[in-house]
Every structure is written in C-alpha cells, then in structure tokens.
C-alpha cells in the first residue's frame, strides 16, 4: 500500500458471512485426491476440516450456521466448533485468503 493508506482488520464473528475473494480459488486435484487453495503466487493445502469450512464460505451463510452444520455433521459440541471456525477464518482473513462481511 502506498501513502497513508492502511488496511482495516476485519474481525470474524458468529454473524460474519465469509467468502473467498474472486482471486482465491478452492480446487480439488483428483489425480492426487487433495484440495488446494490457490492464491496469487501462493498455494495452501488445507486440512480436511478446513476444507469443509471453506466449502461453506459462500458469502451468504454465517459463521454460526457453518458451525451448527458442522456440529450436526460431525456430532460435535457446537461451541467448540464455532470457536475453532472463528479462529481459523480470522487467521485466513488476516492473510487475505477469506473476506468476511
């Protein structure tokens, strides 16, 4: 960034509606059986839980709903899932991989 421009940190919370920015892609490599997050000049290989979260980041579904869905799918405590989901999405938001409104 140039001049006095500063980037405001977005805080991810239960009501946030995360999405992947247009320049970030979640892609499956069928030859290797792996998922990758493709970003300009970077490639991430998320773990299976992160993949399940990222698949649900459509800009419409809230973090709270994502956590509720995952808690049902995995028969896990919703508060624990919510805390872990917020933490992961905050880290990815800080890196510019996820945007949250």
N, C-alpha and C. Protein backbone atom coordinates (compact mmCIF):
# COMPACT_ATOMS: atom_id res chain seq x y z
N UNK A 1 0.84 -1.17 0.00
CA UNK A 1 0.00 0.00 0.00
C UNK A 1 0.88 1.23 0.00
N UNK A 2 0.37 2.26 -0.58
CA UNK A 2 1.18 3.46 -0.68
C UNK A 2 0.57 4.60 0.13
N UNK A 3 1.38 5.58 0.39
CA UNK A 3 0.91 6.77 1.11
C UNK A 3 0.46 6.43 2.52
N UNK A 4 -0.64 7.06 2.93
CA UNK A 4 -1.17 6.85 4.27
C UNK A 4 -2.25 5.79 4.32
N UNK A 5 -2.43 5.05 3.24
CA UNK A 5 -3.47 4.03 3.21
C UNK A 5 -3.15 2.92 4.21
N UNK A 6 -4.14 2.55 4.99
CA UNK A 6 -3.97 1.46 5.94
C UNK A 6 -5.08 0.45 5.72
N UNK A 7 -4.78 -0.76 6.02
CA UNK A 7 -5.75 -1.83 5.87
C UNK A 7 -6.43 -2.04 7.22
N UNK A 8 -7.75 -2.02 7.22
CA UNK A 8 -8.50 -2.23 8.43
C UNK A 8 -8.70 -3.72 8.64
N UNK A 9 -8.40 -4.19 9.83
CA UNK A 9 -8.56 -5.61 10.14
C UNK A 9 -10.03 -5.92 10.35
N UNK A 10 -10.52 -6.90 9.63
CA UNK A 10 -11.90 -7.35 9.78
C UNK A 10 -11.91 -8.40 10.87
N UNK A 11 -12.80 -8.24 11.83
CA UNK A 11 -12.92 -9.21 12.91
C UNK A 11 -14.03 -10.20 12.55
N UNK A 12 -13.68 -11.47 12.51
CA UNK A 12 -14.63 -12.53 12.18
C UNK A 12 -15.38 -12.91 13.45
N UNK A 13 -16.71 -12.96 13.36
CA UNK A 13 -17.55 -13.35 14.48
C UNK A 13 -18.66 -14.26 14.02
N UNK A 14 -19.54 -14.68 14.92
CA UNK A 14 -20.61 -15.61 14.57
C UNK A 14 -21.53 -15.12 13.45
N UNK A 15 -21.75 -13.81 13.37
CA UNK A 15 -22.66 -13.27 12.35
C UNK A 15 -21.96 -13.00 11.02
N UNK A 16 -20.63 -13.10 10.98
CA UNK A 16 -19.88 -12.85 9.74
C UNK A 16 -20.31 -13.83 8.67
N UNK A 17 -20.25 -13.37 7.42
CA UNK A 17 -20.60 -14.22 6.28
C UNK A 17 -19.38 -14.31 5.36
N UNK A 18 -18.51 -15.28 5.64
CA UNK A 18 -17.24 -15.37 4.91
C UNK A 18 -17.40 -15.86 3.47
N UNK A 19 -16.47 -15.43 2.64
CA UNK A 19 -16.41 -15.86 1.24
C UNK A 19 -14.96 -15.80 0.78
N UNK A 20 -14.68 -16.52 -0.26
CA UNK A 20 -13.37 -16.43 -0.88
C UNK A 20 -13.41 -15.26 -1.87
N UNK A 21 -12.41 -14.38 -1.83
CA UNK A 21 -12.37 -13.30 -2.81
C UNK A 21 -12.25 -13.88 -4.23
N UNK A 22 -12.59 -13.11 -5.25
CA UNK A 22 -12.55 -13.62 -6.62
C UNK A 22 -11.18 -14.17 -7.06
N UNK A 23 -10.10 -13.64 -6.50
CA UNK A 23 -8.76 -14.09 -6.90
C UNK A 23 -8.28 -15.32 -6.13
N UNK A 24 -9.08 -15.84 -5.23
CA UNK A 24 -8.72 -17.04 -4.44
C UNK A 24 -9.65 -18.17 -4.88
N UNK A 25 -9.08 -19.33 -5.15
CA UNK A 25 -9.88 -20.48 -5.62
C UNK A 25 -9.63 -21.70 -4.74
N UNK A 26 -10.71 -22.42 -4.44
CA UNK A 26 -10.61 -23.71 -3.76
C UNK A 26 -10.78 -24.76 -4.85
N UNK A 27 -9.75 -25.55 -5.07
CA UNK A 27 -9.77 -26.52 -6.16
C UNK A 27 -9.39 -27.92 -5.66
N UNK A 28 -10.05 -28.91 -6.24
CA UNK A 28 -9.73 -30.30 -5.93
C UNK A 28 -8.85 -30.85 -7.04
N UNK A 29 -7.77 -31.52 -6.66
CA UNK A 29 -6.88 -32.17 -7.61
C UNK A 29 -7.22 -33.66 -7.58
N UNK A 30 -8.05 -34.13 -8.53
CA UNK A 30 -8.48 -35.52 -8.50
C UNK A 30 -7.33 -36.52 -8.66
N UNK A 31 -6.29 -36.13 -9.36
CA UNK A 31 -5.14 -37.02 -9.54
C UNK A 31 -4.43 -37.33 -8.24
N UNK A 32 -4.38 -36.34 -7.36
CA UNK A 32 -3.71 -36.52 -6.07
C UNK A 32 -4.71 -36.72 -4.94
N UNK A 33 -5.99 -36.48 -5.23
CA UNK A 33 -7.01 -36.63 -4.19
C UNK A 33 -6.89 -35.58 -3.09
N UNK A 34 -6.41 -34.40 -3.45
CA UNK A 34 -6.20 -33.33 -2.46
C UNK A 34 -6.91 -32.06 -2.88
N UNK A 35 -7.22 -31.24 -1.89
CA UNK A 35 -7.78 -29.91 -2.11
C UNK A 35 -6.67 -28.89 -1.93
N UNK A 36 -6.74 -27.81 -2.71
CA UNK A 36 -5.78 -26.72 -2.63
C UNK A 36 -6.52 -25.39 -2.64
N UNK A 37 -5.98 -24.43 -1.92
CA UNK A 37 -6.44 -23.05 -2.02
C UNK A 37 -5.39 -22.36 -2.88
N UNK A 38 -5.84 -21.85 -4.02
CA UNK A 38 -4.94 -21.19 -4.96
C UNK A 38 -5.10 -19.68 -4.83
N UNK A 39 -4.00 -19.03 -4.52
CA UNK A 39 -3.96 -17.58 -4.40
C UNK A 39 -2.82 -17.09 -5.28
N UNK A 40 -2.83 -15.82 -5.65
CA UNK A 40 -1.72 -15.32 -6.46
C UNK A 40 -0.37 -15.62 -5.80
N UNK A 41 0.44 -16.36 -6.50
CA UNK A 41 1.79 -16.72 -6.07
C UNK A 41 1.85 -17.53 -4.78
N UNK A 42 0.71 -18.13 -4.37
CA UNK A 42 0.69 -18.96 -3.16
C UNK A 42 -0.27 -20.13 -3.38
N UNK A 43 0.06 -21.25 -2.77
CA UNK A 43 -0.83 -22.41 -2.77
C UNK A 43 -0.85 -22.95 -1.34
N UNK A 44 -2.06 -23.17 -0.82
CA UNK A 44 -2.23 -23.74 0.51
C UNK A 44 -2.87 -25.11 0.36
N UNK A 45 -2.49 -26.02 1.22
CA UNK A 45 -3.13 -27.33 1.26
C UNK A 45 -3.82 -27.46 2.61
N UNK A 46 -5.11 -27.08 2.68
CA UNK A 46 -5.82 -27.10 3.96
C UNK A 46 -6.10 -28.52 4.44
N UNK A 47 -6.24 -28.65 5.75
CA UNK A 47 -6.58 -29.96 6.32
C UNK A 47 -8.06 -30.25 6.04
N UNK A 48 -8.50 -31.49 6.25
CA UNK A 48 -9.88 -31.87 5.91
C UNK A 48 -10.97 -31.01 6.57
N UNK A 49 -10.77 -30.62 7.81
CA UNK A 49 -11.78 -29.79 8.49
C UNK A 49 -11.81 -28.39 7.87
N UNK A 50 -10.64 -27.83 7.59
CA UNK A 50 -10.59 -26.51 6.94
C UNK A 50 -11.29 -26.56 5.59
N UNK A 51 -11.13 -27.63 4.86
CA UNK A 51 -11.81 -27.78 3.57
C UNK A 51 -13.32 -27.73 3.75
N UNK A 52 -13.83 -28.45 4.75
CA UNK A 52 -15.28 -28.45 4.99
C UNK A 52 -15.79 -27.05 5.33
N UNK A 53 -14.98 -26.29 6.06
CA UNK A 53 -15.37 -24.91 6.38
C UNK A 53 -15.31 -24.05 5.12
N UNK A 54 -14.22 -24.13 4.37
CA UNK A 54 -14.06 -23.30 3.17
C UNK A 54 -15.13 -23.58 2.12
N UNK A 55 -15.54 -24.82 2.00
CA UNK A 55 -16.61 -25.16 1.04
C UNK A 55 -17.90 -24.43 1.36
N UNK A 56 -18.10 -24.08 2.61
CA UNK A 56 -19.33 -23.43 3.06
C UNK A 56 -19.23 -21.90 3.06
N UNK A 57 -18.07 -21.37 2.73
CA UNK A 57 -17.86 -19.92 2.72
C UNK A 57 -18.37 -19.34 1.40
N UNK A 58 -19.67 -19.06 1.38
CA UNK A 58 -20.32 -18.61 0.15
C UNK A 58 -20.74 -17.14 0.20
N UNK A 59 -20.42 -16.44 1.28
CA UNK A 59 -20.81 -15.04 1.42
C UNK A 59 -22.25 -14.85 1.85
N UNK A 60 -22.99 -15.94 2.01
CA UNK A 60 -24.40 -15.91 2.41
C UNK A 60 -24.58 -16.57 3.77
N UNK A 61 -23.88 -17.68 3.98
CA UNK A 61 -24.01 -18.46 5.21
C UNK A 61 -23.13 -17.86 6.30
N UNK A 62 -23.72 -17.66 7.48
CA UNK A 62 -22.97 -17.08 8.59
C UNK A 62 -22.02 -18.11 9.21
N UNK A 63 -21.04 -17.61 9.91
CA UNK A 63 -20.09 -18.48 10.62
C UNK A 63 -20.86 -19.35 11.63
N UNK A 64 -21.84 -18.76 12.28
CA UNK A 64 -22.64 -19.51 13.24
C UNK A 64 -23.38 -20.67 12.57
N UNK A 65 -23.94 -20.44 11.39
CA UNK A 65 -24.64 -21.51 10.67
C UNK A 65 -23.66 -22.59 10.19
N UNK A 66 -22.49 -22.16 9.72
CA UNK A 66 -21.46 -23.12 9.32
C UNK A 66 -21.11 -24.02 10.51
N UNK A 67 -20.91 -23.41 11.68
CA UNK A 67 -20.57 -24.18 12.89
C UNK A 67 -21.70 -25.12 13.27
N UNK A 68 -22.94 -24.64 13.19
CA UNK A 68 -24.09 -25.50 13.51
C UNK A 68 -24.16 -26.70 12.57
N UNK A 69 -23.96 -26.45 11.28
CA UNK A 69 -23.99 -27.54 10.29
C UNK A 69 -22.88 -28.56 10.56
N UNK A 70 -21.68 -28.06 10.83
CA UNK A 70 -20.55 -28.96 11.11
C UNK A 70 -20.77 -29.75 12.40
N UNK A 71 -21.34 -29.10 13.41
CA UNK A 71 -21.61 -29.79 14.67
C UNK A 71 -22.58 -30.95 14.44
N UNK A 72 -23.58 -30.72 13.61
CA UNK A 72 -24.53 -31.81 13.28
C UNK A 72 -23.84 -32.90 12.47
N UNK A 73 -23.09 -32.50 11.44
CA UNK A 73 -22.41 -33.47 10.56
C UNK A 73 -21.42 -34.35 11.32
N UNK A 74 -20.73 -33.76 12.29
CA UNK A 74 -19.66 -34.47 13.00
C UNK A 74 -20.04 -34.84 14.43
N UNK A 75 -21.29 -34.58 14.81
CA UNK A 75 -21.77 -34.89 16.16
C UNK A 75 -20.78 -34.36 17.21
N UNK A 76 -20.50 -33.07 17.10
CA UNK A 76 -19.51 -32.42 17.97
C UNK A 76 -20.16 -31.22 18.66
N UNK A 77 -19.59 -30.77 19.78
CA UNK A 77 -20.14 -29.61 20.51
C UNK A 77 -20.08 -28.34 19.66
N UNK A 78 -21.23 -27.69 19.48
CA UNK A 78 -21.32 -26.54 18.60
C UNK A 78 -20.42 -25.39 19.05
N UNK A 79 -20.31 -25.15 20.35
CA UNK A 79 -19.47 -24.02 20.82
C UNK A 79 -18.00 -24.26 20.49
N UNK A 80 -17.54 -25.48 20.62
CA UNK A 80 -16.15 -25.81 20.28
C UNK A 80 -15.91 -25.62 18.78
N UNK A 81 -16.86 -26.10 17.98
CA UNK A 81 -16.76 -25.94 16.52
C UNK A 81 -16.77 -24.45 16.16
N UNK A 82 -17.67 -23.69 16.78
CA UNK A 82 -17.77 -22.26 16.50
C UNK A 82 -16.45 -21.55 16.83
N UNK A 83 -15.89 -21.82 17.99
CA UNK A 83 -14.63 -21.19 18.39
C UNK A 83 -13.50 -21.53 17.42
N UNK A 84 -13.40 -22.81 17.05
CA UNK A 84 -12.36 -23.25 16.11
C UNK A 84 -12.56 -22.64 14.73
N UNK A 85 -13.82 -22.55 14.29
CA UNK A 85 -14.13 -21.99 12.97
C UNK A 85 -13.78 -20.51 12.93
N UNK A 86 -14.17 -19.77 13.96
CA UNK A 86 -13.83 -18.34 14.02
C UNK A 86 -12.32 -18.15 14.01
N UNK A 87 -11.61 -18.93 14.80
CA UNK A 87 -10.16 -18.82 14.87
C UNK A 87 -9.52 -19.06 13.50
N UNK A 88 -9.94 -20.13 12.81
CA UNK A 88 -9.37 -20.45 11.51
C UNK A 88 -9.69 -19.36 10.49
N UNK A 89 -10.96 -18.92 10.45
CA UNK A 89 -11.36 -17.91 9.49
C UNK A 89 -10.70 -16.56 9.78
N UNK A 90 -10.47 -16.24 11.04
CA UNK A 90 -9.78 -15.00 11.38
C UNK A 90 -8.36 -15.03 10.85
N UNK A 91 -7.69 -16.15 11.04
CA UNK A 91 -6.32 -16.28 10.54
C UNK A 91 -6.29 -16.13 9.02
N UNK A 92 -7.23 -16.78 8.33
CA UNK A 92 -7.27 -16.69 6.86
C UNK A 92 -7.67 -15.28 6.40
N UNK A 93 -8.55 -14.63 7.15
CA UNK A 93 -8.94 -13.26 6.83
C UNK A 93 -7.74 -12.32 6.97
N UNK A 94 -6.96 -12.51 8.03
CA UNK A 94 -5.78 -11.67 8.24
C UNK A 94 -4.76 -11.84 7.10
N UNK A 95 -4.75 -13.03 6.48
CA UNK A 95 -3.83 -13.30 5.36
C UNK A 95 -4.44 -12.90 4.02
N UNK A 96 -5.70 -12.46 4.03
CA UNK A 96 -6.35 -12.06 2.78
C UNK A 96 -6.91 -13.21 1.97
N UNK A 97 -6.96 -14.40 2.56
CA UNK A 97 -7.46 -15.57 1.85
C UNK A 97 -8.97 -15.64 1.90
N UNK A 98 -9.57 -15.10 2.95
CA UNK A 98 -11.02 -15.10 3.12
C UNK A 98 -11.46 -13.66 3.42
N UNK A 99 -12.60 -13.28 2.88
CA UNK A 99 -13.17 -11.98 3.25
C UNK A 99 -14.43 -12.27 4.05
N UNK A 100 -14.72 -11.43 5.01
CA UNK A 100 -15.90 -11.65 5.86
C UNK A 100 -16.66 -10.34 5.99
N UNK A 101 -17.95 -10.42 5.71
CA UNK A 101 -18.78 -9.22 5.81
C UNK A 101 -19.65 -9.31 7.05
